[in-house]
């Protein structure tokens, strides 16, 4: 089967995992998450570990079973890590006059448009903004749900995608944009 799916997941202290009616629920100090698991995958919780096995008798074809095996193992592992440690993403606004501020979970962006952009985040996501003199503004997002956090970061990045000529836009902290030379460099 899937080589990723074969790896057991160790359950850290303070995290409880339950399974009922094909739904795996994970509770921990950072929150609670649940995930539906397809009937072709068996989830065994014992001795502080979660092990995934493929049900050979299900009607799903073998390729789909292998895909589900690794998929559900990765999703449940992300949930266990999320409720125990949490996930953090840091976005950097690169550009003259780009600003960000927040009041609770309402974020206001000034990104060079004629109007400010507002976005209301769900309550599962914690937001922090940092604006220091001579530094690019930072937006720090924290959550126990990795999927939700990635979705929100993609939505925020879509307001000003990084562009290759001046390097401006909303980038992840430490991301390097491959720069292009403009028209004047090739004219010589």
C-alpha atoms as a PDB file:
ATOM      1  CA  UNK A   1       0.000   0.000   0.000  1.00  0.00           C
ATOM      2  CA  UNK A   2       1.079   3.604   0.441  1.00  0.00           C
ATOM      3  CA  UNK A   3       4.489   4.056   2.073  1.00  0.00           C
ATOM      4  CA  UNK A   4       3.255   7.198   3.868  1.00  0.00           C
ATOM      5  CA  UNK A   5       0.114   5.422   5.068  1.00  0.00           C
ATOM      6  CA  UNK A   6       2.157   2.652   6.697  1.00  0.00           C
ATOM      7  CA  UNK A   7       3.806   5.047   9.170  1.00  0.00           C
ATOM      8  CA  UNK A   8       2.053   5.062  12.572  1.00  0.00           C
ATOM      9  CA  UNK A   9       1.133   8.390  14.207  1.00  0.00           C
ATOM     10  CA  UNK A  10       2.304   8.831  17.803  1.00  0.00           C
ATOM     11  CA  UNK A  11      -0.261  10.550  20.000  1.00  0.00           C
ATOM     12  CA  UNK A  12       1.443  13.181  22.224  1.00  0.00           C
ATOM     13  CA  UNK A  13       0.519  13.767  25.870  1.00  0.00           C
ATOM     14  CA  UNK A  14      -2.614  15.888  26.326  1.00  0.00           C
ATOM     15  CA  UNK A  15      -4.167  14.818  23.015  1.00  0.00           C
ATOM     16  CA  UNK A  16      -7.158  12.471  22.782  1.00  0.00           C
ATOM     17  CA  UNK A  17      -8.240  10.712  19.590  1.00  0.00           C
ATOM     18  CA  UNK A  18     -11.690   9.156  19.138  1.00  0.00           C
ATOM     19  CA  UNK A  19     -13.338   7.373  16.229  1.00  0.00           C
ATOM     20  CA  UNK A  20     -17.079   6.928  15.664  1.00  0.00           C
ATOM     21  CA  UNK A  21     -19.132   6.319  12.512  1.00  0.00           C
ATOM     22  CA  UNK A  22     -16.194   6.949  10.157  1.00  0.00           C
ATOM     23  CA  UNK A  23     -15.262  10.282  11.752  1.00  0.00           C
ATOM     24  CA  UNK A  24     -11.965  10.759  13.609  1.00  0.00           C
ATOM     25  CA  UNK A  25     -12.022  13.496  16.269  1.00  0.00           C
ATOM     26  CA  UNK A  26      -8.809  14.909  17.760  1.00  0.00           C
ATOM     27  CA  UNK A  27      -8.859  17.099  20.897  1.00  0.00           C
ATOM     28  CA  UNK A  28      -5.897  18.891  22.393  1.00  0.00           C
ATOM     29  CA  UNK A  29      -4.795  22.049  24.196  1.00  0.00           C
ATOM     30  CA  UNK A  30      -4.982  24.186  21.005  1.00  0.00           C
ATOM     31  CA  UNK A  31      -8.463  23.071  19.891  1.00  0.00           C
ATOM     32  CA  UNK A  32     -10.593  20.296  18.440  1.00  0.00           C
ATOM     33  CA  UNK A  33     -10.687  19.007  14.849  1.00  0.00           C
ATOM     34  CA  UNK A  34     -12.579  16.223  13.087  1.00  0.00           C
ATOM     35  CA  UNK A  35     -12.167  14.443   9.750  1.00  0.00           C
ATOM     36  CA  UNK A  36     -14.370  11.975   7.872  1.00  0.00           C
ATOM     37  CA  UNK A  37     -12.445   8.822   6.825  1.00  0.00           C
ATOM     38  CA  UNK A  38     -13.529   6.758   3.823  1.00  0.00           C
ATOM     39  CA  UNK A  39     -14.895   3.274   4.540  1.00  0.00           C
ATOM     40  CA  UNK A  40     -12.055   1.634   2.570  1.00  0.00           C
ATOM     41  CA  UNK A  41      -9.561   2.703   5.283  1.00  0.00           C
ATOM     42  CA  UNK A  42      -9.537   1.154   8.778  1.00  0.00           C
ATOM     43  CA  UNK A  43      -8.287   3.362  11.622  1.00  0.00           C
ATOM     44  CA  UNK A  44      -6.889   1.542  14.677  1.00  0.00           C
ATOM     45  CA  UNK A  45      -6.177   3.553  17.835  1.00  0.00           C
ATOM     46  CA  UNK A  46      -4.169   1.640  20.461  1.00  0.00           C
ATOM     47  CA  UNK A  47      -1.077   1.991  22.695  1.00  0.00           C
ATOM     48  CA  UNK A  48      -0.690   5.734  22.031  1.00  0.00           C
ATOM     49  CA  UNK A  49      -0.531   5.250  18.261  1.00  0.00           C
ATOM     50  CA  UNK A  50      -2.853   5.560  15.284  1.00  0.00           C
ATOM     51  CA  UNK A  51      -2.380   2.951  12.543  1.00  0.00           C
ATOM     52  CA  UNK A  52      -4.110   2.966   9.149  1.00  0.00           C
ATOM     53  CA  UNK A  53      -4.935  -0.200   7.199  1.00  0.00           C
ATOM     54  CA  UNK A  54      -6.604  -0.754   3.843  1.00  0.00           C
ATOM     55  CA  UNK A  55      -9.845  -2.758   3.879  1.00  0.00           C
ATOM     56  CA  UNK A  56      -9.293  -5.423   1.210  1.00  0.00           C
ATOM     57  CA  UNK A  57     -13.026  -6.223   1.010  1.00  0.00           C
ATOM     58  CA  UNK A  58     -14.236  -2.728   0.035  1.00  0.00           C
ATOM     59  CA  UNK A  59     -15.545  -2.039  -3.461  1.00  0.00           C
ATOM     60  CA  UNK A  60     -13.087   0.815  -4.171  1.00  0.00           C
ATOM     61  CA  UNK A  61     -10.367   0.040  -6.748  1.00  0.00           C
ATOM     62  CA  UNK A  62      -6.793  -0.588  -5.561  1.00  0.00           C
ATOM     63  CA  UNK A  63      -5.314   2.706  -6.861  1.00  0.00           C
ATOM     64  CA  UNK A  64      -7.966   4.725  -5.001  1.00  0.00           C
ATOM     65  CA  UNK A  65      -7.352   2.702  -1.810  1.00  0.00           C
ATOM     66  CA  UNK A  66      -3.630   3.465  -1.987  1.00  0.00           C
ATOM     67  CA  UNK A  67      -4.326   7.154  -2.494  1.00  0.00           C
ATOM     68  CA  UNK A  68      -6.770   7.234   0.439  1.00  0.00           C
ATOM     69  CA  UNK A  69      -4.265   5.356   2.624  1.00  0.00           C
ATOM     70  CA  UNK A  70      -1.631   8.102   2.422  1.00  0.00           C
ATOM     71  CA  UNK A  71      -4.146  10.953   2.255  1.00  0.00           C
ATOM     72  CA  UNK A  72      -6.012  10.167   5.465  1.00  0.00           C
ATOM     73  CA  UNK A  73      -2.780   9.390   7.321  1.00  0.00           C
ATOM     74  CA  UNK A  74      -1.433  12.846   6.376  1.00  0.00           C
ATOM     75  CA  UNK A  75      -4.689  14.635   7.252  1.00  0.00           C
ATOM     76  CA  UNK A  76      -4.946  12.981  10.685  1.00  0.00           C
ATOM     77  CA  UNK A  77      -1.236  13.639  11.351  1.00  0.00           C
ATOM     78  CA  UNK A  78      -1.763  17.344  10.522  1.00  0.00           C
ATOM     79  CA  UNK A  79      -4.682  17.396  12.964  1.00  0.00           C
ATOM     80  CA  UNK A  80      -2.634  15.813  15.769  1.00  0.00           C
ATOM     81  CA  UNK A  81       0.252  18.251  15.251  1.00  0.00           C
ATOM     82  CA  UNK A  82      -2.200  21.178  14.988  1.00  0.00           C
ATOM     83  CA  UNK A  83      -4.040  20.548  18.267  1.00  0.00           C
ATOM     84  CA  UNK A  84      -0.785  19.881  20.148  1.00  0.00           C
ATOM     85  CA  UNK A  85       1.623  22.489  18.701  1.00  0.00           C
ATOM     86  CA  UNK A  86      -0.371  24.620  16.238  1.00  0.00           C
ATOM     87  CA  UNK A  87       0.672  26.136  12.925  1.00  0.00           C
ATOM     88  CA  UNK A  88       2.029  29.618  12.219  1.00  0.00           C
ATOM     89  CA  UNK A  89       2.369  31.469   8.919  1.00  0.00           C
ATOM     90  CA  UNK A  90       4.109  34.840   8.563  1.00  0.00           C
ATOM     91  CA  UNK A  91       3.272  37.050   5.577  1.00  0.00           C
ATOM     92  CA  UNK A  92       5.388  40.060   4.601  1.00  0.00           C
ATOM     93  CA  UNK A  93       4.024  43.062   2.666  1.00  0.00           C
ATOM     94  CA  UNK A  94       6.728  44.306   0.299  1.00  0.00           C
ATOM     95  CA  UNK A  95       5.989  47.616  -1.421  1.00  0.00           C
ATOM     96  CA  UNK A  96       6.006  51.359  -0.843  1.00  0.00           C
ATOM     97  CA  UNK A  97       2.994  52.401   1.235  1.00  0.00           C
ATOM     98  CA  UNK A  98       1.749  48.845   1.860  1.00  0.00           C
ATOM     99  CA  UNK A  99       0.232  48.662   5.342  1.00  0.00           C
ATOM    100  CA  UNK A 100      -1.759  46.189   7.422  1.00  0.00           C
ATOM    101  CA  UNK A 101      -3.622  46.570  10.711  1.00  0.00           C
ATOM    102  CA  UNK A 102      -6.135  44.513  12.636  1.00  0.00           C
ATOM    103  CA  UNK A 103      -8.876  44.924  15.205  1.00  0.00           C
ATOM    104  CA  UNK A 104      -9.602  41.470  16.566  1.00  0.00           C
ATOM    105  CA  UNK A 105     -10.064  39.210  13.539  1.00  0.00           C
ATOM    106  CA  UNK A 106     -10.869  42.046  11.112  1.00  0.00           C
ATOM    107  CA  UNK A 107      -7.820  42.887   8.994  1.00  0.00           C
ATOM    108  CA  UNK A 108      -7.427  46.094   6.962  1.00  0.00           C
ATOM    109  CA  UNK A 109      -4.954  46.223   4.068  1.00  0.00           C
ATOM    110  CA  UNK A 110      -3.633  49.260   2.192  1.00  0.00           C
ATOM    111  CA  UNK A 111      -2.013  47.803  -0.917  1.00  0.00           C
ATOM    112  CA  UNK A 112      -1.840  50.690  -3.373  1.00  0.00           C
ATOM    113  CA  UNK A 113      -5.438  50.461  -4.545  1.00  0.00           C
ATOM    114  CA  UNK A 114      -7.840  53.408  -4.323  1.00  0.00           C
ATOM    115  CA  UNK A 115      -9.647  51.711  -1.443  1.00  0.00           C
ATOM    116  CA  UNK A 116      -8.650  49.711   1.628  1.00  0.00           C
ATOM    117  CA  UNK A 117      -9.320  45.951   1.622  1.00  0.00           C
ATOM    118  CA  UNK A 118     -11.021  44.365   4.641  1.00  0.00           C
ATOM    119  CA  UNK A 119     -11.131  40.665   5.451  1.00  0.00           C
ATOM    120  CA  UNK A 120     -12.915  39.027   8.404  1.00  0.00           C
ATOM    121  CA  UNK A 121     -11.172  35.870   9.610  1.00  0.00           C
ATOM    122  CA  UNK A 122     -12.873  32.944  11.374  1.00  0.00           C
ATOM    123  CA  UNK A 123     -12.547  32.680  15.144  1.00  0.00           C
ATOM    124  CA  UNK A 124     -10.183  29.661  14.871  1.00  0.00           C
ATOM    125  CA  UNK A 125      -7.417  31.907  13.504  1.00  0.00           C
ATOM    126  CA  UNK A 126      -5.418  34.280  15.711  1.00  0.00           C
ATOM    127  CA  UNK A 127      -3.988  37.387  14.027  1.00  0.00           C
ATOM    128  CA  UNK A 128      -1.105  39.675  14.917  1.00  0.00           C
ATOM    129  CA  UNK A 129       0.347  42.543  12.888  1.00  0.00           C
ATOM    130  CA  UNK A 130       3.767  44.156  13.243  1.00  0.00           C
ATOM    131  CA  UNK A 131       4.727  47.473  11.684  1.00  0.00           C
ATOM    132  CA  UNK A 132       8.187  48.822  12.508  1.00  0.00           C
ATOM    133  CA  UNK A 133       9.985  51.793  11.026  1.00  0.00           C
ATOM    134  CA  UNK A 134      12.186  50.897   8.015  1.00  0.00           C
ATOM    135  CA  UNK A 135      10.837  47.308   8.035  1.00  0.00           C
ATOM    136  CA  UNK A 136       8.214  45.660   5.865  1.00  0.00           C
ATOM    137  CA  UNK A 137       4.880  45.146   7.686  1.00  0.00           C
ATOM    138  CA  UNK A 138       4.320  41.581   8.921  1.00  0.00           C
ATOM    139  CA  UNK A 139       1.079  39.640   9.308  1.00  0.00           C
ATOM    140  CA  UNK A 140       1.309  36.637  11.669  1.00  0.00           C
ATOM    141  CA  UNK A 141      -1.473  34.037  11.479  1.00  0.00           C
ATOM    142  CA  UNK A 142      -1.833  31.128  13.949  1.00  0.00           C
ATOM    143  CA  UNK A 143      -4.301  28.235  13.957  1.00  0.00           C
ATOM    144  CA  UNK A 144      -4.624  24.548  14.796  1.00  0.00           C
ATOM    145  CA  UNK A 145      -6.193  23.822  11.374  1.00  0.00           C
ATOM    146  CA  UNK A 146      -3.512  23.621   8.671  1.00  0.00           C
ATOM    147  CA  UNK A 147      -6.010  23.512   5.786  1.00  0.00           C
ATOM    148  CA  UNK A 148      -7.869  26.613   6.950  1.00  0.00           C
ATOM    149  CA  UNK A 149      -4.626  28.500   7.538  1.00  0.00           C
ATOM    150  CA  UNK A 150      -3.357  27.702   4.031  1.00  0.00           C
ATOM    151  CA  UNK A 151      -6.669  28.744   2.494  1.00  0.00           C
ATOM    152  CA  UNK A 152      -6.609  32.101   4.290  1.00  0.00           C
ATOM    153  CA  UNK A 153      -2.971  32.743   3.322  1.00  0.00           C
ATOM    154  CA  UNK A 154      -3.792  32.016  -0.334  1.00  0.00           C
ATOM    155  CA  UNK A 155      -6.752  34.422  -0.195  1.00  0.00           C
ATOM    156  CA  UNK A 156      -4.606  37.177   1.352  1.00  0.00           C
ATOM    157  CA  UNK A 157      -1.802  36.629  -1.200  1.00  0.00           C
ATOM    158  CA  UNK A 158      -4.338  36.968  -4.037  1.00  0.00           C
ATOM    159  CA  UNK A 159      -4.852  40.650  -3.115  1.00  0.00           C
ATOM    160  CA  UNK A 160      -1.313  41.448  -4.373  1.00  0.00           C
ATOM    161  CA  UNK A 161       0.563  38.507  -5.864  1.00  0.00           C
ATOM    162  CA  UNK A 162       4.369  38.839  -5.863  1.00  0.00           C
ATOM    163  CA  UNK A 163       5.549  40.176  -9.196  1.00  0.00           C
ATOM    164  CA  UNK A 164       8.978  39.397 -10.706  1.00  0.00           C
ATOM    165  CA  UNK A 165      10.050  42.849 -11.960  1.00  0.00           C
ATOM    166  CA  UNK A 166      10.115  44.940  -8.778  1.00  0.00           C
ATOM    167  CA  UNK A 167       9.613  42.142  -6.237  1.00  0.00           C
ATOM    168  CA  UNK A 168       6.547  43.805  -4.727  1.00  0.00           C
ATOM    169  CA  UNK A 169       3.529  42.006  -3.295  1.00  0.00           C
ATOM    170  CA  UNK A 170       2.518  39.820  -0.355  1.00  0.00           C
ATOM    171  CA  UNK A 171       5.141  37.148   0.287  1.00  0.00           C
ATOM    172  CA  UNK A 172       5.706  34.451   2.876  1.00  0.00           C
ATOM    173  CA  UNK A 173       8.520  35.383   5.257  1.00  0.00           C
ATOM    174  CA  UNK A 174      11.806  34.210   3.746  1.00  0.00           C
ATOM    175  CA  UNK A 175      10.316  33.546   0.281  1.00  0.00           C
ATOM    176  CA  UNK A 176      12.620  34.482  -2.579  1.00  0.00           C
ATOM    177  CA  UNK A 177      11.095  35.800  -5.794  1.00  0.00           C
ATOM    178  CA  UNK A 178      13.002  35.043  -8.982  1.00  0.00           C
ATOM    179  CA  UNK A 179      13.556  38.477 -10.488  1.00  0.00           C
ATOM    180  CA  UNK A 180      13.356  39.318 -14.185  1.00  0.00           C
ATOM    181  CA  UNK A 181      15.152  42.090 -15.995  1.00  0.00           C
ATOM    182  CA  UNK A 182      12.882  44.607 -17.652  1.00  0.00           C
ATOM    183  CA  UNK A 183      12.710  45.766 -21.276  1.00  0.00           C
ATOM    184  CA  UNK A 184      15.711  48.100 -20.942  1.00  0.00           C
ATOM    185  CA  UNK A 185      18.150  45.290 -20.038  1.00  0.00           C
ATOM    186  CA  UNK A 186      17.453  43.320 -23.230  1.00  0.00           C
ATOM    187  CA  UNK A 187      17.548  46.411 -25.500  1.00  0.00           C
ATOM    188  CA  UNK A 188      21.329  46.833 -25.189  1.00  0.00           C
END
